[in-house]
Amino acid sequence: MEALEHQLVEFLTNLFQTIGWGGVVVIMALESANIPIPSEVTMPLSGWMLVQARGLSAWHAVWLGGLWGAVGCTIGSVISYALGAWGGRPLVERYGRYILVHEEDLEKADHWFARWGDWAAFLSRLLPIVRTFISFPAGVARMAFVRFTILSFIGSFVWCGLLALGGYYFGEHWEELRAMMRPFDLSGLANGARAVSTYTPSTATAGP
């Protein structure tokens, strides 16, 4: 796993050196479209390379990292939401293994939205792994699209901005931050699954 992340870091380094924040938008869009590229690697690296190494301030790390990371996340989330809204559960049954979403994921999301309603779109952006896969079930549940987009953007801004700020302060040792967060990858997913499984489903909020 760490070997794969090392290759990812090399790729991201070249990407950021070539197109700067545009690379952050692309990678974060992919992450939010069900492709598990860890933002815990992308955003701290950007905080170091695109902010601290260029002599900018911590405020720039929060603002630029939050903004461009959230733009990418929102783009990917909208794509994943659209797939869920248009394809629904039949799409999961037929192609779920290709888009990394399974029937049990939808069942957990039903509980998640039943408990938290629209705020699930915000809260999920602050959870490792869960944030990658929540948009497709949101589309299947037909959560109100405008609220989904706004809450996804705000949650992503907070998450990306904080990670970029961490990368800013850790500087060239930003990978230490990733090492600190790695244990939360699987535990975060497991805890989230346990939490949502304890609630009784209700009707998810829908609308424009």
N, C-alpha and C. Protein backbone atom coordinates (compact mmCIF):
# COMPACT_ATOMS: atom_id res chain seq x y z
N MET A 1 0.83 -1.20 0.00
CA MET A 1 0.00 0.00 0.00
C MET A 1 0.87 1.26 0.00
N GLU A 2 1.88 1.28 0.87
CA GLU A 2 2.76 2.44 0.95
C GLU A 2 3.57 2.59 -0.34
N ALA A 3 3.89 1.46 -0.98
CA ALA A 3 4.62 1.54 -2.25
C ALA A 3 3.77 2.21 -3.32
N LEU A 4 2.47 1.89 -3.33
CA LEU A 4 1.56 2.53 -4.28
C LEU A 4 1.44 4.02 -3.99
N GLU A 5 1.39 4.37 -2.72
CA GLU A 5 1.30 5.78 -2.37
C GLU A 5 2.58 6.52 -2.79
N HIS A 6 3.71 5.85 -2.70
CA HIS A 6 4.96 6.48 -3.12
C HIS A 6 4.91 6.80 -4.62
N GLN A 7 4.37 5.86 -5.41
CA GLN A 7 4.22 6.12 -6.84
C GLN A 7 3.24 7.24 -7.09
N LEU A 8 2.18 7.28 -6.28
CA LEU A 8 1.20 8.35 -6.39
C LEU A 8 1.84 9.70 -6.10
N VAL A 9 2.68 9.75 -5.08
CA VAL A 9 3.35 11.01 -4.72
C VAL A 9 4.21 11.50 -5.87
N GLU A 10 4.93 10.59 -6.51
CA GLU A 10 5.77 10.98 -7.65
C GLU A 10 4.91 11.54 -8.78
N PHE A 11 3.79 10.89 -9.03
CA PHE A 11 2.89 11.36 -10.08
C PHE A 11 2.33 12.74 -9.73
N LEU A 12 1.86 12.89 -8.49
CA LEU A 12 1.29 14.17 -8.08
C LEU A 12 2.33 15.29 -8.10
N THR A 13 3.55 14.96 -7.72
CA THR A 13 4.62 15.96 -7.74
C THR A 13 4.81 16.50 -9.15
N ASN A 14 4.89 15.61 -10.11
CA ASN A 14 5.05 16.03 -11.51
C ASN A 14 3.82 16.80 -12.00
N LEU A 15 2.65 16.35 -11.58
CA LEU A 15 1.42 17.00 -12.01
C LEU A 15 1.35 18.43 -11.46
N PHE A 16 1.64 18.59 -10.19
CA PHE A 16 1.57 19.92 -9.57
C PHE A 16 2.63 20.86 -10.14
N GLN A 17 3.78 20.31 -10.44
CA GLN A 17 4.83 21.14 -11.04
C GLN A 17 4.44 21.61 -12.44
N THR A 18 3.61 20.82 -13.10
CA THR A 18 3.22 21.13 -14.48
C THR A 18 2.03 22.07 -14.56
N ILE A 19 0.95 21.76 -13.83
CA ILE A 19 -0.27 22.56 -13.98
C ILE A 19 -0.78 23.14 -12.65
N GLY A 20 -0.01 23.03 -11.58
CA GLY A 20 -0.35 23.68 -10.33
C GLY A 20 -1.70 23.25 -9.76
N TRP A 21 -2.51 24.25 -9.41
CA TRP A 21 -3.78 23.96 -8.76
C TRP A 21 -4.75 23.24 -9.68
N GLY A 22 -4.55 23.33 -10.97
CA GLY A 22 -5.38 22.56 -11.89
C GLY A 22 -5.24 21.08 -11.63
N GLY A 23 -4.05 20.65 -11.24
CA GLY A 23 -3.83 19.25 -10.91
C GLY A 23 -4.62 18.83 -9.67
N VAL A 24 -4.71 19.75 -8.71
CA VAL A 24 -5.50 19.47 -7.50
C VAL A 24 -6.96 19.28 -7.87
N VAL A 25 -7.48 20.13 -8.73
CA VAL A 25 -8.88 20.02 -9.14
C VAL A 25 -9.13 18.67 -9.80
N VAL A 26 -8.26 18.27 -10.69
CA VAL A 26 -8.44 17.00 -11.42
C VAL A 26 -8.41 15.82 -10.46
N ILE A 27 -7.41 15.77 -9.59
CA ILE A 27 -7.26 14.62 -8.69
C ILE A 27 -8.40 14.55 -7.68
N MET A 28 -8.79 15.70 -7.14
CA MET A 28 -9.88 15.68 -6.16
C MET A 28 -11.21 15.35 -6.82
N ALA A 29 -11.38 15.72 -8.10
CA ALA A 29 -12.59 15.32 -8.82
C ALA A 29 -12.63 13.81 -8.98
N LEU A 30 -11.51 13.21 -9.31
CA LEU A 30 -11.46 11.76 -9.44
C LEU A 30 -11.75 11.07 -8.12
N GLU A 31 -11.19 11.62 -7.04
CA GLU A 31 -11.42 11.02 -5.72
C GLU A 31 -12.89 11.03 -5.36
N SER A 32 -13.58 12.11 -5.68
CA SER A 32 -15.00 12.22 -5.33
C SER A 32 -15.91 11.50 -6.32
N ALA A 33 -15.34 10.96 -7.38
CA ALA A 33 -16.12 10.20 -8.37
C ALA A 33 -15.85 8.71 -8.20
N ASN A 34 -15.72 8.27 -6.94
CA ASN A 34 -15.59 6.85 -6.58
C ASN A 34 -14.23 6.25 -6.90
N ILE A 35 -13.22 7.08 -7.16
CA ILE A 35 -11.87 6.56 -7.40
C ILE A 35 -11.04 6.87 -6.17
N PRO A 36 -10.65 5.84 -5.40
CA PRO A 36 -10.04 6.06 -4.09
C PRO A 36 -8.60 6.56 -4.13
N ILE A 37 -8.43 7.82 -4.54
CA ILE A 37 -7.13 8.48 -4.47
C ILE A 37 -7.14 9.28 -3.17
N PRO A 38 -6.30 8.96 -2.20
CA PRO A 38 -6.43 9.58 -0.88
C PRO A 38 -6.14 11.08 -0.88
N SER A 39 -7.13 11.85 -0.46
CA SER A 39 -6.92 13.30 -0.33
C SER A 39 -5.92 13.60 0.77
N GLU A 40 -5.71 12.62 1.67
CA GLU A 40 -4.72 12.79 2.72
C GLU A 40 -3.31 12.81 2.17
N VAL A 41 -3.16 12.45 0.91
CA VAL A 41 -1.88 12.59 0.20
C VAL A 41 -1.91 13.84 -0.66
N THR A 42 -2.97 13.99 -1.43
CA THR A 42 -3.07 15.10 -2.40
C THR A 42 -3.00 16.47 -1.75
N MET A 43 -3.81 16.71 -0.74
CA MET A 43 -3.92 18.05 -0.20
C MET A 43 -2.72 18.48 0.65
N PRO A 44 -2.18 17.63 1.53
CA PRO A 44 -0.97 18.06 2.24
C PRO A 44 0.19 18.34 1.28
N LEU A 45 0.32 17.51 0.25
CA LEU A 45 1.38 17.74 -0.73
C LEU A 45 1.20 19.09 -1.42
N SER A 46 -0.05 19.43 -1.73
CA SER A 46 -0.30 20.71 -2.37
C SER A 46 -0.01 21.86 -1.42
N GLY A 47 -0.31 21.67 -0.14
CA GLY A 47 -0.03 22.71 0.84
C GLY A 47 1.45 23.02 0.96
N TRP A 48 2.25 22.00 0.76
CA TRP A 48 3.70 22.22 0.78
C TRP A 48 4.19 22.79 -0.55
N MET A 49 3.90 22.07 -1.65
CA MET A 49 4.46 22.44 -2.95
C MET A 49 3.92 23.74 -3.51
N LEU A 50 2.61 23.95 -3.37
CA LEU A 50 1.96 25.07 -4.04
C LEU A 50 1.78 26.29 -3.14
N VAL A 51 2.08 26.15 -1.86
CA VAL A 51 1.92 27.28 -0.96
C VAL A 51 3.22 27.56 -0.21
N GLN A 52 3.59 26.67 0.70
CA GLN A 52 4.76 26.93 1.54
C GLN A 52 6.04 27.09 0.73
N ALA A 53 6.25 26.18 -0.25
CA ALA A 53 7.47 26.23 -1.06
C ALA A 53 7.53 27.46 -1.95
N ARG A 54 6.38 28.11 -2.15
CA ARG A 54 6.34 29.31 -2.98
C ARG A 54 6.34 30.59 -2.13
N GLY A 55 6.55 30.43 -0.83
CA GLY A 55 6.66 31.58 0.05
C GLY A 55 5.34 32.24 0.40
N LEU A 56 4.22 31.54 0.20
CA LEU A 56 2.92 32.09 0.55
C LEU A 56 2.61 31.81 2.03
N SER A 57 1.52 32.37 2.52
CA SER A 57 1.19 32.28 3.94
C SER A 57 0.27 31.10 4.24
N ALA A 58 0.11 30.84 5.54
CA ALA A 58 -0.80 29.78 5.98
C ALA A 58 -2.23 30.07 5.53
N TRP A 59 -2.60 31.35 5.50
CA TRP A 59 -3.93 31.73 5.02
C TRP A 59 -4.13 31.28 3.58
N HIS A 60 -3.09 31.39 2.76
CA HIS A 60 -3.20 30.93 1.38
C HIS A 60 -3.41 29.42 1.31
N ALA A 61 -2.80 28.70 2.25
CA ALA A 61 -2.98 27.24 2.26
C ALA A 61 -4.45 26.90 2.50
N VAL A 62 -5.05 27.58 3.48
CA VAL A 62 -6.46 27.31 3.78
C VAL A 62 -7.35 27.76 2.63
N TRP A 63 -7.13 28.97 2.15
CA TRP A 63 -8.01 29.53 1.13
C TRP A 63 -7.85 28.83 -0.22
N LEU A 64 -6.61 28.75 -0.70
CA LEU A 64 -6.40 28.14 -2.02
C LEU A 64 -6.62 26.63 -1.98
N GLY A 65 -6.10 25.98 -0.93
CA GLY A 65 -6.31 24.54 -0.81
C GLY A 65 -7.77 24.20 -0.66
N GLY A 66 -8.47 24.96 0.20
CA GLY A 66 -9.90 24.71 0.40
C GLY A 66 -10.70 24.96 -0.86
N LEU A 67 -10.40 26.08 -1.53
CA LEU A 67 -11.16 26.46 -2.72
C LEU A 67 -10.98 25.46 -3.86
N TRP A 68 -9.74 25.24 -4.27
CA TRP A 68 -9.51 24.38 -5.44
C TRP A 68 -9.78 22.91 -5.13
N GLY A 69 -9.49 22.50 -3.90
CA GLY A 69 -9.85 21.14 -3.52
C GLY A 69 -11.35 20.94 -3.56
N ALA A 70 -12.10 21.93 -3.03
CA ALA A 70 -13.56 21.82 -3.01
C ALA A 70 -14.15 21.87 -4.41
N VAL A 71 -13.56 22.69 -5.29
CA VAL A 71 -14.03 22.72 -6.67
C VAL A 71 -13.91 21.34 -7.30
N GLY A 72 -12.77 20.71 -7.14
CA GLY A 72 -12.57 19.38 -7.69
C GLY A 72 -13.51 18.37 -7.08
N CYS A 73 -13.65 18.41 -5.74
CA CYS A 73 -14.55 17.48 -5.06
C CYS A 73 -15.99 17.64 -5.54
N THR A 74 -16.41 18.88 -5.73
CA THR A 74 -17.78 19.13 -6.15
C THR A 74 -18.03 18.62 -7.56
N ILE A 75 -17.07 18.81 -8.44
CA ILE A 75 -17.21 18.30 -9.81
C ILE A 75 -17.37 16.78 -9.79
N GLY A 76 -16.48 16.10 -9.08
CA GLY A 76 -16.56 14.65 -9.01
C GLY A 76 -17.82 14.17 -8.32
N SER A 77 -18.24 14.90 -7.29
CA SER A 77 -19.45 14.52 -6.56
C SER A 77 -20.69 14.64 -7.43
N VAL A 78 -20.74 15.70 -8.24
CA VAL A 78 -21.90 15.89 -9.13
C VAL A 78 -21.96 14.76 -10.16
N ILE A 79 -20.82 14.37 -10.68
CA ILE A 79 -20.78 13.26 -11.65
C ILE A 79 -21.30 11.98 -11.00
N SER A 80 -20.79 11.69 -9.80
CA SER A 80 -21.21 10.48 -9.10
C SER A 80 -22.67 10.55 -8.72
N TYR A 81 -23.14 11.71 -8.28
CA TYR A 81 -24.55 11.90 -7.94
C TYR A 81 -25.43 11.64 -9.16
N ALA A 82 -25.01 12.18 -10.31
CA ALA A 82 -25.80 12.01 -11.53
C ALA A 82 -25.91 10.54 -11.91
N LEU A 83 -24.82 9.80 -11.77
CA LEU A 83 -24.85 8.37 -12.07
C LEU A 83 -25.85 7.66 -11.17
N GLY A 84 -25.86 8.04 -9.88
CA GLY A 84 -26.79 7.43 -8.96
C GLY A 84 -28.23 7.81 -9.25
N ALA A 85 -28.45 9.08 -9.58
CA ALA A 85 -29.81 9.55 -9.84
C ALA A 85 -30.38 8.96 -11.11
N TRP A 86 -29.57 8.84 -12.14
CA TRP A 86 -30.05 8.35 -13.43
C TRP A 86 -30.03 6.83 -13.53
N GLY A 87 -29.03 6.22 -12.92
CA GLY A 87 -28.91 4.76 -13.03
C GLY A 87 -29.57 4.02 -11.89
N GLY A 88 -29.57 4.62 -10.71
CA GLY A 88 -30.21 4.03 -9.55
C GLY A 88 -29.62 2.69 -9.14
N ARG A 89 -30.41 1.95 -8.38
CA ARG A 89 -29.96 0.65 -7.89
C ARG A 89 -29.69 -0.35 -9.01
N PRO A 90 -30.44 -0.33 -10.12
CA PRO A 90 -30.11 -1.27 -11.19
C PRO A 90 -28.68 -1.09 -11.70
N LEU A 91 -28.20 0.16 -11.72
CA LEU A 91 -26.82 0.40 -12.16
C LEU A 91 -25.83 -0.24 -11.20
N VAL A 92 -26.15 -0.18 -9.90
CA VAL A 92 -25.28 -0.79 -8.90
C VAL A 92 -25.29 -2.30 -9.06
N GLU A 93 -26.46 -2.86 -9.26
CA GLU A 93 -26.57 -4.31 -9.40
C GLU A 93 -25.79 -4.82 -10.61
N ARG A 94 -25.77 -4.03 -11.66
CA ARG A 94 -25.13 -4.51 -12.90
C ARG A 94 -23.66 -4.10 -13.01
N TYR A 95 -23.36 -2.85 -12.59
CA TYR A 95 -22.01 -2.33 -12.80
C TYR A 95 -21.31 -1.89 -11.51
N GLY A 96 -21.93 -2.19 -10.37
CA GLY A 96 -21.38 -1.71 -9.10
C GLY A 96 -19.92 -2.06 -8.88
N ARG A 97 -19.52 -3.26 -9.30
CA ARG A 97 -18.14 -3.66 -9.07
C ARG A 97 -17.15 -2.82 -9.86
N TYR A 98 -17.63 -2.19 -10.93
CA TYR A 98 -16.75 -1.36 -11.74
C TYR A 98 -16.63 0.06 -11.20
N ILE A 99 -17.69 0.53 -10.52
CA ILE A 99 -17.65 1.89 -9.98
C ILE A 99 -17.44 1.86 -8.46
N LEU A 100 -17.09 0.68 -7.95
CA LEU A 100 -16.71 0.51 -6.55
C LEU A 100 -17.84 0.86 -5.58
N VAL A 101 -19.08 0.65 -5.98
CA VAL A 101 -20.23 0.85 -5.12
C VAL A 101 -21.05 -0.43 -5.14
N HIS A 102 -21.47 -0.91 -3.97
CA HIS A 102 -22.19 -2.17 -3.88
C HIS A 102 -23.53 -1.95 -3.18
N GLU A 103 -24.39 -2.95 -3.26
CA GLU A 103 -25.73 -2.84 -2.68
C GLU A 103 -25.67 -2.52 -1.20
N GLU A 104 -24.74 -3.14 -0.47
CA GLU A 104 -24.64 -2.86 0.96
C GLU A 104 -24.25 -1.41 1.23
N ASP A 105 -23.50 -0.81 0.29
CA ASP A 105 -23.16 0.60 0.44
C ASP A 105 -24.41 1.47 0.38
N LEU A 106 -25.34 1.10 -0.50
CA LEU A 106 -26.58 1.86 -0.61
C LEU A 106 -27.43 1.69 0.65
N GLU A 107 -27.45 0.48 1.19
CA GLU A 107 -28.23 0.24 2.40
C GLU A 107 -27.69 1.07 3.56
N LYS A 108 -26.36 1.13 3.67
CA LYS A 108 -25.76 1.95 4.73
C LYS A 108 -26.05 3.43 4.50
N ALA A 109 -26.01 3.83 3.24
CA ALA A 109 -26.29 5.24 2.93
C ALA A 109 -27.74 5.58 3.24
N ASP A 110 -28.66 4.64 3.03
CA ASP A 110 -30.06 4.87 3.37
C ASP A 110 -30.18 5.23 4.85
N HIS A 111 -29.50 4.46 5.70
CA HIS A 111 -29.51 4.73 7.13
C HIS A 111 -28.85 6.07 7.44
N TRP A 112 -27.75 6.33 6.73
CA TRP A 112 -27.00 7.57 6.95
C TRP A 112 -27.88 8.79 6.65
N PHE A 113 -28.55 8.78 5.50
CA PHE A 113 -29.40 9.90 5.13
C PHE A 113 -30.65 9.96 6.01
N ALA A 114 -31.13 8.79 6.43
CA ALA A 114 -32.29 8.77 7.32
C ALA A 114 -31.97 9.45 8.64
N ARG A 115 -30.76 9.24 9.12
CA ARG A 115 -30.37 9.82 10.42
C ARG A 115 -30.02 11.29 10.30
N TRP A 116 -29.23 11.64 9.29
CA TRP A 116 -28.68 12.98 9.22
C TRP A 116 -29.35 13.86 8.16
N GLY A 117 -30.16 13.27 7.29
CA GLY A 117 -30.81 14.06 6.26
C GLY A 117 -29.78 14.71 5.34
N ASP A 118 -30.05 15.94 4.94
CA ASP A 118 -29.17 16.64 4.01
C ASP A 118 -27.77 16.82 4.57
N TRP A 119 -27.65 16.90 5.90
CA TRP A 119 -26.34 17.14 6.50
C TRP A 119 -25.38 15.98 6.28
N ALA A 120 -25.89 14.84 5.83
CA ALA A 120 -25.00 13.73 5.51
C ALA A 120 -24.01 14.12 4.44
N ALA A 121 -24.43 14.97 3.50
CA ALA A 121 -23.55 15.42 2.43
C ALA A 121 -22.39 16.24 2.98
N PHE A 122 -22.64 16.99 4.05
CA PHE A 122 -21.58 17.78 4.69
C PHE A 122 -20.69 16.91 5.57
N LEU A 123 -21.31 16.16 6.47
CA LEU A 123 -20.55 15.38 7.44
C LEU A 123 -19.67 14.33 6.78
N SER A 124 -20.16 13.73 5.71
CA SER A 124 -19.40 12.68 5.05
C SER A 124 -18.10 13.21 4.46
N ARG A 125 -18.04 14.50 4.14
CA ARG A 125 -16.82 15.08 3.56
C ARG A 125 -15.70 15.16 4.57
N LEU A 126 -16.01 14.96 5.84
CA LEU A 126 -15.00 15.06 6.88
C LEU A 126 -14.54 13.69 7.36
N LEU A 127 -14.96 12.63 6.66
CA LEU A 127 -14.61 11.27 7.05
C LEU A 127 -13.77 10.61 5.96
N PRO A 128 -12.57 10.11 6.31
CA PRO A 128 -11.75 9.39 5.32
C PRO A 128 -12.53 8.23 4.72
N ILE A 129 -12.30 7.96 3.45
CA ILE A 129 -12.90 6.86 2.69
C ILE A 129 -14.39 7.09 2.44
N VAL A 130 -15.18 7.32 3.51
CA VAL A 130 -16.61 7.52 3.33
C VAL A 130 -16.88 8.65 2.34
N ARG A 131 -16.06 9.71 2.42
CA ARG A 131 -16.25 10.88 1.58
C ARG A 131 -16.13 10.55 0.09
N THR A 132 -15.40 9.50 -0.21
CA THR A 132 -15.18 9.13 -1.61
C THR A 132 -16.43 8.53 -2.24
N PHE A 133 -17.25 7.83 -1.44
CA PHE A 133 -18.33 7.02 -2.00
C PHE A 133 -19.73 7.53 -1.70
N ILE A 134 -19.88 8.62 -0.98
CA ILE A 134 -21.20 9.03 -0.51
C ILE A 134 -22.08 9.62 -1.61
N SER A 135 -21.49 10.18 -2.65
CA SER A 135 -22.27 10.93 -3.64
C SER A 135 -23.18 10.03 -4.47
N PHE A 136 -22.72 8.85 -4.83
CA PHE A 136 -23.56 7.95 -5.63
C PHE A 136 -24.82 7.56 -4.87
N PRO A 137 -24.72 7.11 -3.62
CA PRO A 137 -25.94 6.81 -2.88
C PRO A 137 -26.82 8.04 -2.69
N ALA A 138 -26.22 9.23 -2.58
CA ALA A 138 -27.01 10.45 -2.47
C ALA A 138 -27.86 10.64 -3.72
N GLY A 139 -27.30 10.33 -4.87
CA GLY A 139 -28.05 10.42 -6.11
C GLY A 139 -29.16 9.39 -6.18
N VAL A 140 -28.87 8.18 -5.73
CA VAL A 140 -29.89 7.14 -5.71
C VAL A 140 -31.05 7.55 -4.80
N ALA A 141 -30.71 8.16 -3.66
CA ALA A 141 -31.73 8.61 -2.71
C ALA A 141 -32.44 9.87 -3.18
N ARG A 142 -31.96 10.45 -4.29
CA ARG A 142 -32.52 11.68 -4.85
C ARG A 142 -32.54 12.81 -3.82
N MET A 143 -31.43 12.95 -3.10
CA MET A 143 -31.29 14.08 -2.21
C MET A 143 -31.39 15.37 -3.03
N ALA A 144 -31.96 16.41 -2.45
CA ALA A 144 -32.11 17.69 -3.16
C ALA A 144 -30.77 18.13 -3.73
N PHE A 145 -30.72 18.29 -5.05
CA PHE A 145 -29.43 18.48 -5.73
C PHE A 145 -28.73 19.77 -5.31
N VAL A 146 -29.47 20.87 -5.22
CA VAL A 146 -28.84 22.15 -4.88
C VAL A 146 -28.24 22.08 -3.48
N ARG A 147 -28.99 21.55 -2.53
CA ARG A 147 -28.47 21.44 -1.16
C ARG A 147 -27.31 20.47 -1.10
N PHE A 148 -27.41 19.38 -1.86
CA PHE A 148 -26.31 18.42 -1.91
C PHE A 148 -25.03 19.11 -2.39
N THR A 149 -25.14 19.89 -3.44
CA THR A 149 -23.96 20.54 -4.03
C THR A 149 -23.36 21.56 -3.06
N ILE A 150 -24.22 22.37 -2.44
CA ILE A 150 -23.73 23.40 -1.52
C ILE A 150 -23.07 22.78 -0.30
N LEU A 151 -23.72 21.80 0.31
CA LEU A 151 -23.17 21.18 1.51
C LEU A 151 -21.91 20.38 1.20
N SER A 152 -21.87 19.75 0.03
CA SER A 152 -20.67 19.03 -0.39
C SER A 152 -19.50 19.99 -0.56
N PHE A 153 -19.76 21.14 -1.17
CA PHE A 153 -18.70 22.13 -1.38
C PHE A 153 -18.17 22.64 -0.04
N ILE A 154 -19.08 22.98 0.88
CA ILE A 154 -18.65 23.52 2.17
C ILE A 154 -17.84 22.49 2.96
N GLY A 155 -18.35 21.25 3.02
CA GLY A 155 -17.63 20.21 3.73
C GLY A 155 -16.28 19.92 3.11
N SER A 156 -16.23 19.92 1.79
CA SER A 156 -14.96 19.68 1.09
C SER A 156 -13.98 20.82 1.31
N PHE A 157 -14.49 22.05 1.36
CA PHE A 157 -13.64 23.21 1.62
C PHE A 157 -12.95 23.07 2.97
N VAL A 158 -13.72 22.69 3.98
CA VAL A 158 -13.16 22.53 5.32
C VAL A 158 -12.10 21.43 5.32
N TRP A 159 -12.43 20.29 4.76
CA TRP A 159 -11.51 19.14 4.74
C TRP A 159 -10.23 19.46 3.98
N CYS A 160 -10.38 19.96 2.77
CA CYS A 160 -9.21 20.24 1.93
C CYS A 160 -8.37 21.37 2.49
N GLY A 161 -9.03 22.40 3.02
CA GLY A 161 -8.29 23.51 3.58
C GLY A 161 -7.45 23.10 4.77
N LEU A 162 -8.01 22.27 5.65
CA LEU A 162 -7.27 21.82 6.82
C LEU A 162 -6.10 20.91 6.43
N LEU A 163 -6.32 20.04 5.46
CA LEU A 163 -5.23 19.16 5.02
C LEU A 163 -4.11 19.97 4.37
N ALA A 164 -4.48 20.95 3.55
CA ALA A 164 -3.47 21.79 2.93
C ALA A 164 -2.71 22.59 3.98
N LEU A 165 -3.41 23.05 5.01
CA LEU A 165 -2.76 23.78 6.10
C LEU A 165 -1.79 22.87 6.84
N GLY A 166 -2.19 21.62 7.05
CA GLY A 166 -1.27 20.67 7.67
C GLY A 166 -0.02 20.47 6.84
N GLY A 167 -0.20 20.34 5.52
CA GLY A 167 0.95 20.19 4.64
C GLY A 167 1.84 21.42 4.66
N TYR A 168 1.23 22.59 4.81
CA TYR A 168 1.98 23.85 4.89
C TYR A 168 2.90 23.84 6.11
N TYR A 169 2.36 23.44 7.25
CA TYR A 169 3.15 23.48 8.48
C TYR A 169 4.17 22.35 8.56
N PHE A 170 3.83 21.18 8.01
CA PHE A 170 4.79 20.07 8.01
C PHE A 170 5.87 20.27 6.95
N GLY A 171 5.55 21.05 5.91
CA GLY A 171 6.52 21.34 4.86
C GLY A 171 7.01 20.09 4.15
N GLU A 172 8.31 19.99 3.97
CA GLU A 172 8.86 18.84 3.25
C GLU A 172 8.69 17.54 4.02
N HIS A 173 8.25 17.63 5.26
CA HIS A 173 7.98 16.43 6.06
C HIS A 173 6.48 16.14 6.10
N TRP A 174 5.75 16.61 5.09
CA TRP A 174 4.30 16.48 5.06
C TRP A 174 3.84 15.03 5.15
N GLU A 175 4.69 14.09 4.72
CA GLU A 175 4.29 12.69 4.74
C GLU A 175 4.10 12.17 6.17
N GLU A 176 4.69 12.88 7.14
CA GLU A 176 4.46 12.51 8.54
C GLU A 176 2.99 12.71 8.90
N LEU A 177 2.37 13.73 8.31
CA LEU A 177 0.94 13.95 8.53
C LEU A 177 0.13 12.80 7.98
N ARG A 178 0.49 12.33 6.79
CA ARG A 178 -0.21 11.19 6.20
C ARG A 178 -0.05 9.96 7.08
N ALA A 179 1.15 9.75 7.61
CA ALA A 179 1.38 8.59 8.48
C ALA A 179 0.52 8.66 9.73
N MET A 180 0.31 9.86 10.24
CA MET A 180 -0.53 10.04 11.42
C MET A 180 -1.99 9.73 11.12
N MET A 181 -2.43 10.00 9.90
CA MET A 181 -3.83 9.82 9.54
C MET A 181 -4.15 8.43 9.01
N ARG A 182 -3.14 7.68 8.60
CA ARG A 182 -3.38 6.39 7.96
C ARG A 182 -4.22 5.44 8.81
N PRO A 183 -4.01 5.35 10.14
CA PRO A 183 -4.83 4.42 10.93
C PRO A 183 -6.31 4.74 10.89
N PHE A 184 -6.67 5.99 10.53
CA PHE A 184 -8.07 6.36 10.51
C PHE A 184 -8.77 5.93 9.23
N ASP A 185 -8.01 5.48 8.23
CA ASP A 185 -8.61 5.10 6.95
C ASP A 185 -9.67 4.02 7.14
N LEU A 186 -9.25 2.88 7.64
CA LEU A 186 -10.18 1.76 7.79
C LEU A 186 -11.05 1.91 9.02
N SER A 187 -10.47 2.45 10.12
CA SER A 187 -11.28 2.60 11.32
C SER A 187 -12.40 3.61 11.09
N GLY A 188 -12.13 4.63 10.29
CA GLY A 188 -13.16 5.62 9.99
C GLY A 188 -14.30 4.99 9.23
N LEU A 189 -13.98 4.15 8.28
CA LEU A 189 -15.01 3.47 7.51
C LEU A 189 -15.82 2.53 8.39
N ALA A 190 -15.12 1.77 9.24
CA ALA A 190 -15.81 0.81 10.10
C ALA A 190 -16.71 1.52 11.10
N ASN A 191 -16.22 2.59 11.71
CA ASN A 191 -17.02 3.32 12.68
C ASN A 191 -18.23 3.97 12.03
N GLY A 192 -18.03 4.50 10.82
CA GLY A 192 -19.14 5.11 10.11
C GLY A 192 -20.21 4.08 9.79
N ALA A 193 -19.77 2.90 9.38
CA ALA A 193 -20.73 1.84 9.05
C ALA A 193 -21.50 1.40 10.28
N ARG A 194 -20.78 1.28 11.42
CA ARG A 194 -21.46 0.89 12.66
C ARG A 194 -22.46 1.94 13.09
N ALA A 195 -22.07 3.20 12.92
CA ALA A 195 -22.94 4.29 13.36
C ALA A 195 -24.24 4.31 12.58
N VAL A 196 -24.13 4.24 11.26
CA VAL A 196 -25.35 4.36 10.45
C VAL A 196 -26.22 3.12 10.55
N SER A 197 -25.62 1.98 10.89
CA SER A 197 -26.40 0.75 10.94
C SER A 197 -27.31 0.69 12.16
N THR A 198 -27.15 1.61 13.12
CA THR A 198 -27.95 1.58 14.33
C THR A 198 -29.23 2.38 14.21
N TYR A 199 -29.41 3.09 13.08
CA TYR A 199 -30.56 3.97 12.95
C TYR A 199 -31.64 3.37 12.07
N THR A 200 -32.86 3.81 12.31
CA THR A 200 -34.00 3.33 11.52
C THR A 200 -34.19 4.21 10.30
N PRO A 201 -34.32 3.65 9.10
CA PRO A 201 -34.46 4.46 7.89
C PRO A 201 -35.73 5.28 7.90
N SER A 202 -35.68 6.43 7.28
CA SER A 202 -36.85 7.26 7.02
C SER A 202 -36.70 7.89 5.67
N THR A 203 -37.65 8.70 5.27
CA THR A 203 -37.62 9.26 3.94
C THR A 203 -36.53 10.32 3.81
N ALA A 204 -35.67 10.19 2.82
CA ALA A 204 -34.63 11.17 2.58
C ALA A 204 -35.24 12.43 1.99
N THR A 205 -34.62 13.58 2.30
CA THR A 205 -35.12 14.85 1.78
C THR A 205 -34.87 14.94 0.30
N ALA A 206 -35.87 15.28 -0.46
CA ALA A 206 -35.71 15.43 -1.91
C ALA A 206 -36.25 16.78 -2.33
N GLY A 207 -35.86 17.17 -3.52
CA GLY A 207 -36.32 18.45 -4.03
C GLY A 207 -35.28 19.07 -4.91
N PRO A 208 -35.49 20.32 -5.34
CA PRO A 208 -34.57 20.97 -6.25
C PRO A 208 -33.29 21.34 -5.55
